[in-house]
Amino acid sequence: MTDNNEHIVYILKCSDNTLYTGYTNDMENRLKMHTEGTGAKYTRGRGPFQVVFIEKFPTKEEAMQKEYRIKQLNRKEKFQLIRDRLKEVMQFENTEKL
């Protein structure tokens, strides 16, 4: 269960290969809502989903600002953001093993 003090911006890759960007303070519940068709209108009928990006923020305001900035990006820029985050994760995992 996600702590309500955790504010998360996420990107879902839908089954039709489109991307959906959203905000939540409970990722597990929000993903369940998307899957059940009660999340966002855009995601209805587009499942199953793959979470391809997550970023956590200390305040709702910071998270909402990031969500807005991501929504201003075009598709190519969003995929670049996802790739950049994946590189960060892979680098972190590699340094953890040392």
N, C-alpha and C. Protein backbone atom coordinates (compact mmCIF):
# COMPACT_ATOMS: atom_id res chain seq x y z
N MET A 1 0.85 -1.18 0.00
CA MET A 1 0.00 0.00 0.00
C MET A 1 0.89 1.24 0.00
N THR A 2 0.56 2.19 -0.85
CA THR A 2 1.34 3.40 -0.97
C THR A 2 0.98 4.37 0.15
N ASP A 3 1.98 4.99 0.74
CA ASP A 3 1.77 6.02 1.75
C ASP A 3 1.14 7.24 1.09
N ASN A 4 0.14 7.83 1.72
CA ASN A 4 -0.54 8.99 1.14
C ASN A 4 0.35 10.21 1.07
N ASN A 5 1.52 10.18 1.70
CA ASN A 5 2.46 11.29 1.58
C ASN A 5 3.32 11.15 0.33
N GLU A 6 3.08 10.08 -0.43
CA GLU A 6 3.84 9.82 -1.65
C GLU A 6 2.98 10.23 -2.84
N HIS A 7 3.52 11.11 -3.66
CA HIS A 7 2.78 11.60 -4.82
C HIS A 7 3.50 11.10 -6.07
N ILE A 8 2.77 10.40 -6.92
CA ILE A 8 3.36 9.67 -8.02
C ILE A 8 2.81 10.14 -9.37
N VAL A 9 3.71 10.37 -10.30
CA VAL A 9 3.36 10.60 -11.70
C VAL A 9 3.76 9.34 -12.43
N TYR A 10 2.87 8.84 -13.28
CA TYR A 10 3.14 7.58 -13.97
C TYR A 10 2.72 7.68 -15.43
N ILE A 11 3.31 6.81 -16.23
CA ILE A 11 2.92 6.67 -17.63
C ILE A 11 2.57 5.21 -17.86
N LEU A 12 1.41 4.99 -18.44
CA LEU A 12 0.98 3.65 -18.81
C LEU A 12 1.12 3.49 -20.32
N LYS A 13 1.59 2.34 -20.74
CA LYS A 13 1.55 1.99 -22.16
C LYS A 13 0.33 1.09 -22.31
N CYS A 14 -0.60 1.54 -23.15
CA CYS A 14 -1.85 0.80 -23.35
C CYS A 14 -1.65 -0.29 -24.41
N SER A 15 -2.60 -1.21 -24.48
CA SER A 15 -2.49 -2.33 -25.43
C SER A 15 -2.47 -1.86 -26.88
N ASP A 16 -3.03 -0.67 -27.15
CA ASP A 16 -3.01 -0.14 -28.52
C ASP A 16 -1.75 0.70 -28.79
N ASN A 17 -0.76 0.58 -27.88
CA ASN A 17 0.54 1.24 -27.99
C ASN A 17 0.48 2.75 -27.77
N THR A 18 -0.62 3.25 -27.20
CA THR A 18 -0.69 4.66 -26.83
C THR A 18 -0.19 4.81 -25.40
N LEU A 19 0.08 6.05 -25.02
CA LEU A 19 0.58 6.34 -23.68
C LEU A 19 -0.42 7.18 -22.91
N TYR A 20 -0.58 6.89 -21.63
CA TYR A 20 -1.44 7.67 -20.76
C TYR A 20 -0.61 8.13 -19.57
N THR A 21 -0.66 9.42 -19.28
CA THR A 21 0.06 9.99 -18.14
C THR A 21 -0.93 10.37 -17.06
N GLY A 22 -0.62 10.02 -15.81
CA GLY A 22 -1.52 10.34 -14.72
C GLY A 22 -0.80 10.61 -13.42
N TYR A 23 -1.59 11.00 -12.41
CA TYR A 23 -1.10 11.28 -11.07
C TYR A 23 -1.88 10.43 -10.07
N THR A 24 -1.23 10.00 -9.01
CA THR A 24 -1.92 9.29 -7.94
C THR A 24 -1.11 9.37 -6.65
N ASN A 25 -1.75 9.07 -5.54
CA ASN A 25 -1.02 8.89 -4.29
C ASN A 25 -1.20 7.46 -3.80
N ASP A 26 -1.78 6.61 -4.68
CA ASP A 26 -1.96 5.19 -4.37
C ASP A 26 -1.88 4.41 -5.70
N MET A 27 -0.67 4.06 -6.10
CA MET A 27 -0.44 3.46 -7.42
C MET A 27 -1.18 2.14 -7.58
N GLU A 28 -1.14 1.31 -6.56
CA GLU A 28 -1.79 0.00 -6.64
C GLU A 28 -3.29 0.14 -6.91
N ASN A 29 -3.94 1.01 -6.17
CA ASN A 29 -5.38 1.23 -6.34
C ASN A 29 -5.68 1.87 -7.70
N ARG A 30 -4.85 2.82 -8.10
CA ARG A 30 -5.09 3.52 -9.38
C ARG A 30 -4.97 2.56 -10.56
N LEU A 31 -3.99 1.68 -10.52
CA LEU A 31 -3.81 0.69 -11.58
C LEU A 31 -5.01 -0.26 -11.62
N LYS A 32 -5.49 -0.63 -10.44
CA LYS A 32 -6.68 -1.48 -10.35
C LYS A 32 -7.88 -0.78 -11.00
N MET A 33 -8.02 0.51 -10.74
CA MET A 33 -9.13 1.28 -11.32
C MET A 33 -9.03 1.31 -12.85
N HIS A 34 -7.82 1.55 -13.36
CA HIS A 34 -7.63 1.55 -14.82
C HIS A 34 -8.02 0.19 -15.40
N THR A 35 -7.58 -0.88 -14.76
CA THR A 35 -7.85 -2.23 -15.23
C THR A 35 -9.35 -2.53 -15.23
N GLU A 36 -10.05 -2.05 -14.21
CA GLU A 36 -11.49 -2.28 -14.10
C GLU A 36 -12.31 -1.35 -15.00
N GLY A 37 -11.65 -0.37 -15.63
CA GLY A 37 -12.36 0.55 -16.50
C GLY A 37 -12.97 1.74 -15.77
N THR A 38 -12.58 1.93 -14.50
CA THR A 38 -13.11 3.05 -13.74
C THR A 38 -12.06 4.12 -13.48
N GLY A 39 -10.89 3.97 -14.10
CA GLY A 39 -9.81 4.95 -13.93
C GLY A 39 -10.10 6.20 -14.74
N ALA A 40 -9.39 6.39 -15.79
CA ALA A 40 -9.59 7.54 -16.66
C ALA A 40 -10.40 7.12 -17.89
N LYS A 41 -11.20 8.03 -18.38
CA LYS A 41 -12.01 7.74 -19.57
C LYS A 41 -11.13 7.27 -20.73
N TYR A 42 -9.96 7.90 -20.88
CA TYR A 42 -9.06 7.57 -21.99
C TYR A 42 -8.63 6.10 -21.97
N THR A 43 -8.42 5.54 -20.78
CA THR A 43 -7.88 4.18 -20.69
C THR A 43 -8.93 3.09 -20.81
N ARG A 44 -10.20 3.45 -20.78
CA ARG A 44 -11.26 2.42 -20.88
C ARG A 44 -11.14 1.66 -22.20
N GLY A 45 -11.08 0.34 -22.10
CA GLY A 45 -11.01 -0.50 -23.29
C GLY A 45 -9.63 -0.57 -23.92
N ARG A 46 -8.63 0.05 -23.28
CA ARG A 46 -7.28 0.05 -23.84
C ARG A 46 -6.32 -0.86 -23.09
N GLY A 47 -6.83 -1.64 -22.13
CA GLY A 47 -5.98 -2.53 -21.35
C GLY A 47 -5.67 -3.79 -22.14
N PRO A 48 -4.75 -4.62 -21.68
CA PRO A 48 -4.00 -4.47 -20.44
C PRO A 48 -2.93 -3.37 -20.54
N PHE A 49 -2.50 -2.92 -19.39
CA PHE A 49 -1.56 -1.81 -19.32
C PHE A 49 -0.20 -2.26 -18.83
N GLN A 50 0.80 -1.51 -19.21
CA GLN A 50 2.15 -1.73 -18.72
C GLN A 50 2.62 -0.40 -18.13
N VAL A 51 3.03 -0.41 -16.87
CA VAL A 51 3.58 0.79 -16.25
C VAL A 51 5.00 0.96 -16.78
N VAL A 52 5.25 2.06 -17.50
CA VAL A 52 6.56 2.25 -18.12
C VAL A 52 7.35 3.40 -17.50
N PHE A 53 6.71 4.16 -16.61
CA PHE A 53 7.40 5.29 -15.99
C PHE A 53 6.73 5.60 -14.65
N ILE A 54 7.55 5.77 -13.62
CA ILE A 54 7.06 6.22 -12.31
C ILE A 54 8.07 7.20 -11.76
N GLU A 55 7.56 8.31 -11.25
CA GLU A 55 8.41 9.26 -10.54
C GLU A 55 7.67 9.73 -9.30
N LYS A 56 8.35 9.70 -8.16
CA LYS A 56 7.74 10.07 -6.89
C LYS A 56 8.16 11.47 -6.47
N PHE A 57 7.24 12.17 -5.81
CA PHE A 57 7.48 13.54 -5.38
C PHE A 57 7.03 13.71 -3.93
N PRO A 58 7.67 14.64 -3.20
CA PRO A 58 7.28 14.86 -1.81
C PRO A 58 5.96 15.63 -1.67
N THR A 59 5.58 16.41 -2.69
CA THR A 59 4.34 17.18 -2.60
C THR A 59 3.46 16.96 -3.82
N LYS A 60 2.17 17.13 -3.63
CA LYS A 60 1.21 16.99 -4.73
C LYS A 60 1.48 18.05 -5.80
N GLU A 61 1.83 19.25 -5.37
CA GLU A 61 2.08 20.34 -6.31
C GLU A 61 3.21 19.99 -7.28
N GLU A 62 4.31 19.46 -6.75
CA GLU A 62 5.44 19.08 -7.60
C GLU A 62 5.03 17.98 -8.58
N ALA A 63 4.27 17.02 -8.09
CA ALA A 63 3.83 15.92 -8.95
C ALA A 63 2.92 16.43 -10.06
N MET A 64 1.99 17.31 -9.72
CA MET A 64 1.06 17.84 -10.72
C MET A 64 1.80 18.67 -11.78
N GLN A 65 2.82 19.39 -11.34
CA GLN A 65 3.63 20.16 -12.31
C GLN A 65 4.35 19.24 -13.27
N LYS A 66 4.90 18.14 -12.75
CA LYS A 66 5.60 17.17 -13.61
C LYS A 66 4.61 16.50 -14.57
N GLU A 67 3.43 16.15 -14.07
CA GLU A 67 2.41 15.54 -14.92
C GLU A 67 2.08 16.50 -16.07
N TYR A 68 1.90 17.77 -15.77
CA TYR A 68 1.59 18.77 -16.79
C TYR A 68 2.72 18.85 -17.82
N ARG A 69 3.97 18.89 -17.34
CA ARG A 69 5.11 18.98 -18.27
C ARG A 69 5.17 17.75 -19.19
N ILE A 70 4.92 16.58 -18.63
CA ILE A 70 4.94 15.36 -19.45
C ILE A 70 3.83 15.41 -20.50
N LYS A 71 2.66 15.87 -20.10
CA LYS A 71 1.53 15.93 -21.03
C LYS A 71 1.77 16.92 -22.17
N GLN A 72 2.71 17.84 -21.99
CA GLN A 72 3.06 18.79 -23.06
C GLN A 72 4.01 18.17 -24.09
N LEU A 73 4.63 17.06 -23.73
CA LEU A 73 5.59 16.40 -24.62
C LEU A 73 4.87 15.66 -25.74
N ASN A 74 5.53 15.56 -26.89
CA ASN A 74 4.96 14.72 -27.94
C ASN A 74 5.35 13.27 -27.68
N ARG A 75 4.81 12.37 -28.47
CA ARG A 75 5.01 10.93 -28.27
C ARG A 75 6.49 10.55 -28.25
N LYS A 76 7.24 11.07 -29.20
CA LYS A 76 8.67 10.77 -29.29
C LYS A 76 9.40 11.24 -28.03
N GLU A 77 9.07 12.42 -27.54
CA GLU A 77 9.71 12.95 -26.34
C GLU A 77 9.34 12.12 -25.10
N LYS A 78 8.10 11.63 -25.05
CA LYS A 78 7.69 10.79 -23.92
C LYS A 78 8.48 9.48 -23.91
N PHE A 79 8.65 8.88 -25.09
CA PHE A 79 9.43 7.64 -25.15
C PHE A 79 10.89 7.89 -24.78
N GLN A 80 11.42 9.07 -25.11
CA GLN A 80 12.79 9.41 -24.72
C GLN A 80 12.88 9.55 -23.20
N LEU A 81 11.88 10.16 -22.59
CA LEU A 81 11.82 10.29 -21.13
C LEU A 81 11.81 8.90 -20.48
N ILE A 82 11.03 8.00 -21.04
CA ILE A 82 10.95 6.62 -20.52
C ILE A 82 12.29 5.92 -20.66
N ARG A 83 12.93 6.08 -21.82
CA ARG A 83 14.26 5.45 -22.04
C ARG A 83 15.29 6.02 -21.06
N ASP A 84 15.27 7.34 -20.87
CA ASP A 84 16.22 7.97 -19.94
C ASP A 84 16.03 7.44 -18.53
N ARG A 85 14.78 7.26 -18.09
CA ARG A 85 14.51 6.74 -16.75
C ARG A 85 14.99 5.30 -16.64
N LEU A 86 14.79 4.51 -17.69
CA LEU A 86 15.24 3.12 -17.68
C LEU A 86 16.76 3.05 -17.56
N LYS A 87 17.47 3.95 -18.24
CA LYS A 87 18.93 3.98 -18.13
C LYS A 87 19.36 4.29 -16.70
N GLU A 88 18.65 5.23 -16.06
CA GLU A 88 18.96 5.57 -14.66
C GLU A 88 18.77 4.35 -13.76
N VAL A 89 17.69 3.63 -13.96
CA VAL A 89 17.40 2.45 -13.15
C VAL A 89 18.48 1.39 -13.36
N MET A 90 18.85 1.16 -14.62
CA MET A 90 19.86 0.15 -14.92
C MET A 90 21.21 0.53 -14.31
N GLN A 91 21.58 1.81 -14.37
CA GLN A 91 22.84 2.25 -13.77
C GLN A 91 22.81 2.06 -12.26
N PHE A 92 21.67 2.37 -11.64
CA PHE A 92 21.52 2.20 -10.20
C PHE A 92 21.66 0.74 -9.82
N GLU A 93 21.00 -0.13 -10.58
CA GLU A 93 21.08 -1.57 -10.29
C GLU A 93 22.52 -2.08 -10.43
N ASN A 94 23.23 -1.61 -11.43
CA ASN A 94 24.61 -2.04 -11.64
C ASN A 94 25.52 -1.59 -10.50
N THR A 95 25.31 -0.37 -9.98
CA THR A 95 26.15 0.11 -8.88
C THR A 95 25.79 -0.59 -7.57
N GLU A 96 24.54 -1.02 -7.42
CA GLU A 96 24.11 -1.74 -6.22
C GLU A 96 24.80 -3.10 -6.12
N LYS A 97 25.13 -3.73 -7.24
CA LYS A 97 25.73 -5.06 -7.25
C LYS A 97 27.22 -5.02 -6.92
N LEU A 98 27.81 -3.85 -7.01
CA LEU A 98 29.27 -3.73 -6.76
C LEU A 98 29.60 -3.80 -5.29
